Amino acid sequence: MATKRDYYEILGVKKDASEEEIKKSYRKLAMKLHPDRNPDNPKSEEQFKEAKEAYEMLSDDQKRAAYDQYGHAGVEQGGGGAGFGGAGFGDAFGDIFGDIFGGGRQGGQRNNVYRGADLRYNMEISLEDAAKGTETKIRIPVQSACETCKGSGAKAGKSPITCTTCNGHGQVRMQQGFFSVQQTCPKCNGAGKVIKDEDKCVTCHGAGRVKQNKTLSVKIPAGVDEGDRIRLSGEGEAGVNGGPTGDLYVVVHLKEHEIFQREGGNLHCEMPISFSTAAIGGEIEVPTLGGSAKMKIPAETQTGGVFRLRGKGIKPLRQSEAGDLMVHVIVETPVKLTEHQKKLLREFEASTQGDAGKHSPRNKSWVDKAKEFFG
C-alpha cells in the first residue's frame, strides 16, 4: 500500500498557514487538476481527490489539530477523500465557483450539507469594562437544529424522497438556442430530495431548523478596543442537513465617556485650572481610571499645555505595558466676581502694563505681527 503524502505538501503550504491561505491554495489546485480540464491525463482524477482530501482535513480545526499531532493515523478513521463525481466532488466544485456564480456544480448530485451562517452581535461596553475586562450575558435569536427530527425535517420513521423535477441532481438545465443554462432546482432548492407534506416534521415543518432565543455568557478580555471581535465558535446558526454550526462574532463598541477619550493605549482628558494656579504653579488632583492622581502644574502654564502621566492609560490586548494619560490643561477665567475682586484684578492688570512684553510675551508678539501686517 502506497504511503500517503503530507497534506501540507499536497496543498503547497506551510504548517502554520492560515485558513485563508489553505483555501486559496486549494482553489488553485482544484482548478488546475479538475478532470474535465485534463482529459488526456488519467492521473488528474486521483490528484484532484488527493487535494480535496488534504483540504478537508486542514480546513477543519479539530481534524487539523489531530493530524498535526498524530499524522495520518490521527484522522484515518474519519478521513478519506470523496470520490470524483459523487457528493465530495460537488462540494469541491461548488467551493471553487460558489463565490462567483452562487455555488453549484455542472452536473451530478450535489453535496447537500451546508455550514450554518455566522452571526454578528454588536455589544456596547463602558471604557472601564474595556480596561479591566468583564463577563456579561447576551440573548440572541438563532436558527437551531430541530430537536424533534434531529435536523432531518421529516417525521420519525420517514425520510426524504428523490426530487422528481431534477431526478436528485439538485440542478435543472434550460436550453435556449445554442446556449444551455443550468440553475438550482426550484422544487427542492438544490437539495436533490424533498419531503412529502404528510411526512414533514410537525415542529419545523420540514425545514430541519427552528428559530430560538439563546442566552450566552461572553468574556470580554481586558484591553479590548473599538471594533475588536470576539469569536464564539459554534454559537452561530445550525447547519443544513447535519452541517457544522456557524460562529458568533461579538463586535465591541465603546460607549462615550464623560471624561476620557481613548487613543489606543493612551487616554486624553481636559483639566480646567485656575488663573492663579496657571500663573504661579501648584498641585492639582487629576482623575484616572484607577482613582485620582496628583499632578504638578509649573508656573506660567498656558491653556493647551499637555502633561503626561505615565502608565495611567490602558494596557491594550497583546501589549505588555499600559499607555499614558495625557492631561490637556485649560486656564479657566474667573466668573461672578465681587467688586473687591474686580478692583484687585484691575490693580494687577495696571501693574503689568509697564512691561507687557515681559508678562505677556505671546500677546506682545501678536500685536507686533498685527502692526506689521496693517503697515
Protein backbone atom coordinates (compact mmCIF):
# COMPACT_ATOMS: atom_id res chain seq x y z
CA MET A 1 0.00 0.00 0.00
CA ALA A 2 1.41 3.36 -1.04
CA THR A 3 2.36 5.84 1.68
CA LYS A 4 0.11 8.89 1.82
CA ARG A 5 1.71 12.24 1.04
CA ASP A 6 1.81 15.01 3.62
CA TYR A 7 -1.34 17.17 3.41
CA TYR A 8 0.63 20.41 3.67
CA GLU A 9 2.94 19.24 0.89
CA ILE A 10 -0.04 18.39 -1.32
CA LEU A 11 -1.51 21.88 -0.97
CA GLY A 12 1.89 23.57 -1.13
CA VAL A 13 1.52 25.50 2.13
CA LYS A 14 3.50 25.75 5.36
CA LYS A 15 2.33 24.11 8.58
CA ASP A 16 1.49 27.48 10.12
CA ALA A 17 -0.60 28.56 7.10
CA SER A 18 -3.83 30.43 7.84
CA GLU A 19 -7.30 29.18 6.86
CA GLU A 20 -7.40 31.71 4.03
CA GLU A 21 -4.01 30.59 2.68
CA ILE A 22 -5.11 26.94 2.74
CA LYS A 23 -8.37 27.73 0.98
CA LYS A 24 -6.66 29.89 -1.65
CA SER A 25 -4.07 27.19 -2.43
CA TYR A 26 -6.77 24.51 -2.65
CA ARG A 27 -8.84 26.53 -5.10
CA LYS A 28 -5.86 26.97 -7.41
CA LEU A 29 -5.09 23.25 -7.30
CA ALA A 30 -8.73 22.26 -7.87
CA MET A 31 -8.93 24.48 -10.93
CA LYS A 32 -5.66 23.08 -12.25
CA LEU A 33 -6.36 19.41 -11.55
CA HIS A 34 -10.06 19.23 -12.42
CA PRO A 35 -10.57 16.12 -14.62
CA ASP A 36 -12.72 17.99 -17.12
CA ARG A 37 -9.78 20.28 -17.81
CA ASN A 38 -7.34 17.39 -18.12
CA PRO A 39 -9.00 14.78 -20.37
CA ASP A 40 -5.61 13.45 -21.53
CA ASN A 41 -4.23 12.98 -18.01
CA PRO A 42 -5.51 9.75 -16.41
CA LYS A 43 -3.95 10.76 -13.06
CA SER A 44 -5.83 14.05 -12.76
CA GLU A 45 -8.84 12.47 -11.04
CA GLU A 46 -6.67 10.88 -8.37
CA GLN A 47 -4.69 14.09 -7.87
CA PHE A 48 -7.92 16.06 -7.62
CA LYS A 49 -9.24 13.69 -4.93
CA GLU A 50 -5.91 13.88 -3.09
CA ALA A 51 -6.05 17.70 -2.98
CA LYS A 52 -9.66 17.63 -1.81
CA GLU A 53 -8.87 15.20 1.00
CA ALA A 54 -5.99 17.41 2.14
CA TYR A 55 -8.25 20.47 2.14
CA GLU A 56 -11.00 18.67 4.07
CA MET A 57 -8.54 17.75 6.81
CA LEU A 58 -6.70 21.06 7.10
CA SER A 59 -9.77 23.30 6.85
CA ASP A 60 -11.33 21.62 9.90
CA ASP A 61 -9.73 22.87 13.15
CA GLN A 62 -10.21 19.60 15.04
CA LYS A 63 -9.02 17.37 12.21
CA ARG A 64 -6.04 19.63 11.58
CA ALA A 65 -5.04 19.52 15.25
CA ALA A 66 -5.26 15.72 15.25
CA TYR A 67 -3.23 15.50 12.03
CA ASP A 68 -0.55 17.88 13.34
CA GLN A 69 -0.14 15.72 16.44
CA TYR A 70 -0.53 12.17 15.11
CA GLY A 71 -0.18 12.45 11.34
CA HIS A 72 -2.43 10.40 9.06
CA ALA A 73 -3.17 7.98 11.91
CA GLY A 74 -4.93 10.76 13.82
CA VAL A 75 -7.52 11.32 11.08
CA GLU A 76 -7.64 7.93 9.41
CA GLN A 77 -10.95 6.90 10.93
CA GLY A 78 -12.87 9.92 9.71
CA GLY A 79 -10.63 10.87 6.81
CA GLY A 80 -10.57 9.95 3.18
CA GLY A 81 -11.48 12.00 0.19
CA ALA A 82 -14.79 11.67 -1.56
CA GLY A 83 -14.86 10.00 -4.94
CA PHE A 84 -14.99 12.00 -8.12
CA GLY A 85 -18.49 12.54 -9.43
CA GLY A 86 -20.14 12.00 -6.03
CA ALA A 87 -21.10 14.35 -3.24
CA GLY A 88 -17.47 15.19 -2.47
CA PHE A 89 -16.84 16.38 -6.00
CA GLY A 90 -19.89 18.61 -5.90
CA ASP A 91 -18.67 20.21 -2.68
CA ALA A 92 -15.24 20.87 -4.17
CA PHE A 93 -16.61 22.31 -7.38
CA GLY A 94 -19.09 24.47 -5.52
CA ASP A 95 -16.32 25.74 -3.24
CA ILE A 96 -14.27 26.87 -6.23
CA PHE A 97 -17.02 28.70 -8.09
CA GLY A 98 -19.51 29.41 -5.31
CA ASP A 99 -18.27 32.95 -4.61
CA ILE A 100 -18.58 33.90 -8.26
CA PHE A 101 -21.61 32.05 -9.58
CA GLY A 102 -23.53 31.39 -6.36
CA GLY A 103 -22.50 27.74 -5.93
CA GLY A 104 -23.49 24.52 -7.63
CA ARG A 105 -21.73 22.11 -9.92
CA GLN A 106 -22.23 21.50 -13.59
CA GLY A 107 -23.84 18.11 -13.24
CA GLY A 108 -24.39 15.16 -10.97
CA GLN A 109 -25.74 15.09 -7.43
CA ARG A 110 -24.75 17.91 -5.11
CA ASN A 111 -23.43 17.75 -1.58
CA ASN A 112 -26.42 18.89 0.47
CA VAL A 113 -24.60 19.51 3.74
CA TYR A 114 -24.04 23.22 4.44
CA ARG A 115 -22.35 25.05 7.26
CA GLY A 116 -24.59 27.31 9.32
CA ALA A 117 -24.37 31.07 8.93
CA ASP A 118 -22.06 33.16 11.09
CA LEU A 119 -23.78 35.73 13.27
CA ARG A 120 -22.72 39.20 14.44
CA TYR A 121 -23.68 40.81 17.74
CA ASN A 122 -22.84 44.45 18.47
CA MET A 123 -22.02 44.96 22.15
CA GLU A 124 -21.61 48.34 23.84
CA ILE A 125 -19.40 48.41 26.92
CA SER A 126 -18.02 51.16 29.14
CA LEU A 127 -14.43 52.35 28.99
CA GLU A 128 -13.90 50.97 32.50
CA ASP A 129 -15.06 47.48 31.45
CA ALA A 130 -12.85 47.64 28.35
CA ALA A 131 -9.85 48.46 30.53
CA LYS A 132 -10.28 45.78 33.19
CA GLY A 133 -12.33 43.18 31.29
CA THR A 134 -15.74 41.85 32.21
CA GLU A 135 -18.18 38.99 31.70
CA THR A 136 -21.75 39.52 30.59
CA LYS A 137 -24.70 37.61 29.21
CA ILE A 138 -26.33 38.23 25.84
CA ARG A 139 -29.52 36.91 24.30
CA ILE A 140 -29.55 36.22 20.57
CA PRO A 141 -32.07 34.73 18.10
CA VAL A 142 -30.61 31.80 16.13
CA GLN A 143 -31.68 29.03 13.78
CA SER A 144 -31.06 25.85 15.78
CA ALA A 145 -31.36 22.22 14.72
CA CYS A 146 -34.88 20.93 15.35
CA GLU A 147 -34.81 18.62 18.36
CA THR A 148 -37.91 16.72 17.24
CA CYS A 149 -36.48 15.48 13.93
CA LYS A 150 -32.79 15.96 14.77
CA GLY A 151 -32.44 18.29 11.80
CA SER A 152 -33.74 15.89 9.15
CA GLY A 153 -37.01 17.75 8.58
CA ALA A 154 -39.01 14.50 8.47
CA LYS A 155 -41.20 12.70 10.97
CA ALA A 156 -39.82 9.71 12.86
CA GLY A 157 -39.54 6.73 10.52
CA LYS A 158 -39.90 8.91 7.43
CA SER A 159 -37.20 10.18 5.09
CA PRO A 160 -36.91 12.50 2.10
CA ILE A 161 -37.53 11.13 -1.40
CA THR A 162 -35.71 11.91 -4.64
CA CYS A 163 -36.91 15.10 -6.28
CA THR A 164 -38.81 14.23 -9.48
CA THR A 165 -38.07 17.58 -11.10
CA CYS A 166 -34.28 17.26 -11.13
CA ASN A 167 -34.05 13.49 -10.54
CA GLY A 168 -31.93 14.09 -7.47
CA HIS A 169 -29.31 16.26 -9.16
CA GLY A 170 -30.35 19.48 -7.46
CA GLN A 171 -29.92 21.27 -10.81
CA VAL A 172 -32.12 21.67 -13.86
CA ARG A 173 -30.90 22.54 -17.36
CA MET A 174 -32.64 25.06 -19.60
CA GLN A 175 -31.92 25.17 -23.34
CA GLN A 176 -32.12 28.47 -25.22
CA GLY A 177 -30.89 28.13 -28.79
CA PHE A 178 -27.22 27.28 -28.72
CA PHE A 179 -26.95 28.10 -25.01
CA SER A 180 -27.58 25.71 -22.18
CA VAL A 181 -28.14 27.26 -18.74
CA GLN A 182 -28.06 25.22 -15.55
CA GLN A 183 -29.73 26.53 -12.42
CA THR A 184 -30.87 25.40 -8.97
CA CYS A 185 -33.93 23.20 -8.99
CA PRO A 186 -36.92 25.34 -7.97
CA LYS A 187 -38.74 22.44 -6.29
CA CYS A 188 -36.04 21.10 -3.95
CA ASN A 189 -33.91 24.28 -3.85
CA GLY A 190 -30.85 22.31 -4.87
CA ALA A 191 -31.17 19.60 -2.19
CA GLY A 192 -31.95 16.83 -4.68
CA LYS A 193 -34.55 15.48 -2.28
CA VAL A 194 -37.92 16.60 -0.98
CA ILE A 195 -40.14 15.66 1.94
CA LYS A 196 -43.78 14.90 1.33
CA ASP A 197 -46.15 17.24 3.13
CA GLU A 198 -47.62 14.40 5.18
CA ASP A 199 -44.09 13.27 6.17
CA LYS A 200 -42.80 16.68 7.34
CA CYS A 201 -41.84 17.21 10.98
CA VAL A 202 -44.69 18.92 12.83
CA THR A 203 -42.27 21.14 14.75
CA CYS A 204 -40.11 22.61 11.98
CA HIS A 205 -42.47 21.83 9.05
CA GLY A 206 -39.68 20.18 7.07
CA ALA A 207 -37.07 22.92 7.48
CA GLY A 208 -34.91 20.92 9.90
CA ARG A 209 -34.27 24.11 11.90
CA VAL A 210 -36.29 26.29 14.26
CA LYS A 211 -35.78 29.84 15.46
CA GLN A 212 -34.84 30.08 19.11
CA ASN A 213 -33.52 32.64 21.56
CA LYS A 214 -30.24 31.59 23.14
CA THR A 215 -28.56 33.12 26.19
CA LEU A 216 -24.76 33.08 26.13
CA SER A 217 -22.07 34.19 28.54
CA VAL A 218 -19.39 36.35 26.92
CA LYS A 219 -16.00 37.06 28.46
CA ILE A 220 -14.58 40.43 27.43
CA PRO A 221 -10.78 40.42 27.88
CA ALA A 222 -9.05 43.41 29.43
CA GLY A 223 -7.75 45.92 26.89
CA VAL A 224 -10.31 45.46 24.10
CA ASP A 225 -10.80 48.47 21.85
CA GLU A 226 -13.43 49.81 19.48
CA GLY A 227 -14.18 47.32 16.68
CA ASP A 228 -12.42 44.32 18.28
CA ARG A 229 -14.16 41.00 17.60
CA ILE A 230 -14.63 38.10 19.99
CA ARG A 231 -15.32 34.78 18.30
CA LEU A 232 -17.63 32.25 19.95
CA SER A 233 -17.03 29.09 17.96
CA GLY A 234 -20.11 27.02 17.15
CA GLU A 235 -22.58 29.56 18.55
CA GLY A 236 -23.94 30.70 15.19
CA GLU A 237 -26.79 29.19 13.22
CA ALA A 238 -27.22 25.44 12.83
CA GLY A 239 -26.01 23.85 9.61
CA VAL A 240 -28.27 22.33 6.97
CA ASN A 241 -28.66 18.54 6.77
CA GLY A 242 -26.26 17.96 9.63
CA GLY A 243 -23.69 20.52 8.52
CA PRO A 244 -21.44 22.24 11.10
CA THR A 245 -22.76 25.17 13.11
CA GLY A 246 -21.57 28.67 12.26
CA ASP A 247 -19.78 31.01 14.65
CA LEU A 248 -20.90 34.09 16.58
CA TYR A 249 -18.79 37.23 16.39
CA VAL A 250 -19.28 39.75 19.21
CA VAL A 251 -18.13 43.17 17.98
CA VAL A 252 -17.09 45.58 20.74
CA HIS A 253 -18.18 49.23 20.71
CA LEU A 254 -17.09 51.68 23.41
CA LYS A 255 -19.63 54.00 24.99
CA GLU A 256 -18.74 57.68 25.01
CA HIS A 257 -17.07 58.60 28.30
CA GLU A 258 -17.79 61.80 30.23
CA ILE A 259 -14.12 62.50 30.97
CA PHE A 260 -11.76 60.40 28.87
CA GLN A 261 -11.17 59.85 25.16
CA ARG A 262 -9.21 56.75 24.17
CA GLU A 263 -6.46 56.56 21.56
CA GLY A 264 -5.00 53.06 21.53
CA GLY A 265 -3.44 52.59 24.96
CA ASN A 266 -3.44 56.31 25.77
CA LEU A 267 -6.23 58.28 27.40
CA HIS A 268 -6.86 62.00 26.93
CA CYS A 269 -8.75 64.36 29.22
CA GLU A 270 -9.23 68.11 29.64
CA MET A 271 -8.47 69.58 33.05
CA PRO A 272 -9.54 73.12 34.00
CA ILE A 273 -7.13 75.02 36.28
CA SER A 274 -7.50 78.40 37.96
CA PHE A 275 -5.90 81.58 36.72
CA SER A 276 -3.70 81.82 39.82
CA THR A 277 -2.54 78.18 39.61
CA ALA A 278 -1.59 78.68 35.97
CA ALA A 279 0.35 81.84 36.83
CA ILE A 280 2.29 80.80 39.96
CA GLY A 281 2.07 77.00 39.72
CA GLY A 282 0.66 74.45 42.14
CA GLU A 283 -0.55 70.91 42.56
CA ILE A 284 -3.89 69.54 41.38
CA GLU A 285 -5.78 66.25 41.51
CA VAL A 286 -6.39 64.54 38.18
CA PRO A 287 -8.99 61.77 37.63
CA THR A 288 -7.75 58.41 36.29
CA LEU A 289 -9.49 55.10 35.60
CA GLY A 290 -7.99 53.81 38.84
CA GLY A 291 -8.99 56.75 41.06
CA SER A 292 -7.15 60.07 41.23
CA ALA A 293 -3.52 61.17 40.96
CA LYS A 294 -1.53 64.26 41.96
CA MET A 295 -0.01 66.37 39.23
CA LYS A 296 2.25 69.43 39.50
CA ILE A 297 1.44 72.48 37.41
CA PRO A 298 4.52 74.60 36.70
CA ALA A 299 4.34 78.38 36.89
CA GLU A 300 3.38 80.31 33.73
CA THR A 301 1.35 77.40 32.30
CA GLN A 302 -0.76 78.36 29.30
CA THR A 303 -4.08 76.99 28.01
CA GLY A 304 -3.49 73.96 25.79
CA GLY A 305 -0.48 72.69 27.71
CA VAL A 306 -0.29 68.88 27.74
CA PHE A 307 1.08 66.89 30.67
CA ARG A 308 1.77 63.16 30.62
CA LEU A 309 1.05 60.75 33.47
CA ARG A 310 2.91 57.59 32.52
CA GLY A 311 1.20 54.24 32.92
CA LYS A 312 -2.18 55.79 33.75
CA GLY A 313 -3.78 54.77 30.47
CA ILE A 314 -5.00 51.33 29.32
CA LYS A 315 -2.99 48.19 28.59
CA PRO A 316 -4.18 47.12 25.11
CA LEU A 317 -4.58 43.50 24.07
CA ARG A 318 -1.32 41.82 23.05
CA GLN A 319 0.76 44.59 24.66
CA SER A 320 2.78 44.26 27.86
CA GLU A 321 2.56 47.84 29.15
CA ALA A 322 -0.22 50.32 29.77
CA GLY A 323 -0.40 53.58 27.87
CA ASP A 324 -0.31 57.08 29.36
CA LEU A 325 -2.84 59.66 30.47
CA MET A 326 -2.49 62.91 28.51
CA VAL A 327 -3.86 65.85 30.52
CA HIS A 328 -4.78 68.92 28.45
CA VAL A 329 -5.00 71.90 30.79
CA ILE A 330 -7.42 74.77 30.24
CA VAL A 331 -6.97 78.02 32.13
CA GLU A 332 -10.40 78.95 33.43
CA THR A 333 -11.47 82.60 33.51
CA PRO A 334 -13.00 83.65 36.88
CA VAL A 335 -16.75 84.42 36.79
CA LYS A 336 -19.26 86.17 39.09
CA LEU A 337 -16.58 88.37 40.68
CA THR A 338 -17.31 90.72 43.55
CA GLU A 339 -16.47 94.42 43.27
CA HIS A 340 -13.49 93.90 45.55
CA GLN A 341 -12.18 91.06 43.36
CA LYS A 342 -12.64 93.19 40.24
CA LYS A 343 -10.71 96.02 41.88
CA LEU A 344 -7.83 93.68 42.71
CA LEU A 345 -7.71 92.40 39.13
CA ARG A 346 -7.66 95.96 37.75
CA GLU A 347 -4.77 96.79 40.05
CA PHE A 348 -2.97 93.65 38.92
CA GLU A 349 -3.58 94.50 35.27
CA ALA A 350 -2.26 98.01 35.78
CA SER A 351 0.87 96.66 37.48
CA THR A 352 1.75 94.58 34.39
CA GLN A 353 1.15 97.26 31.77
CA GLY A 354 4.52 98.84 32.30
CA ASP A 355 6.31 95.80 30.96
CA ALA A 356 3.78 93.93 28.82
CA GLY A 357 6.49 92.22 26.80
CA LYS A 358 7.77 90.54 29.94
CA HIS A 359 4.47 89.46 31.43
CA SER A 360 2.54 88.71 28.19
CA PRO A 361 5.13 87.67 25.58
CA ARG A 362 2.60 85.94 23.32
CA ASN A 363 0.31 88.96 23.32
CA LYS A 364 3.17 91.36 22.52
CA SER A 365 4.36 89.11 19.68
CA TRP A 366 0.83 89.00 18.24
CA VAL A 367 0.45 92.79 18.46
CA ASP A 368 3.78 93.33 16.70
CA LYS A 369 2.74 91.00 13.88
CA ALA A 370 -0.60 92.74 13.53
CA LYS A 371 1.07 96.14 13.27
CA GLU A 372 3.43 94.82 10.62
CA PHE A 373 0.53 93.31 8.67
CA PHE A 374 -1.51 96.51 8.66
CA GLY A 375 1.55 98.65 7.88
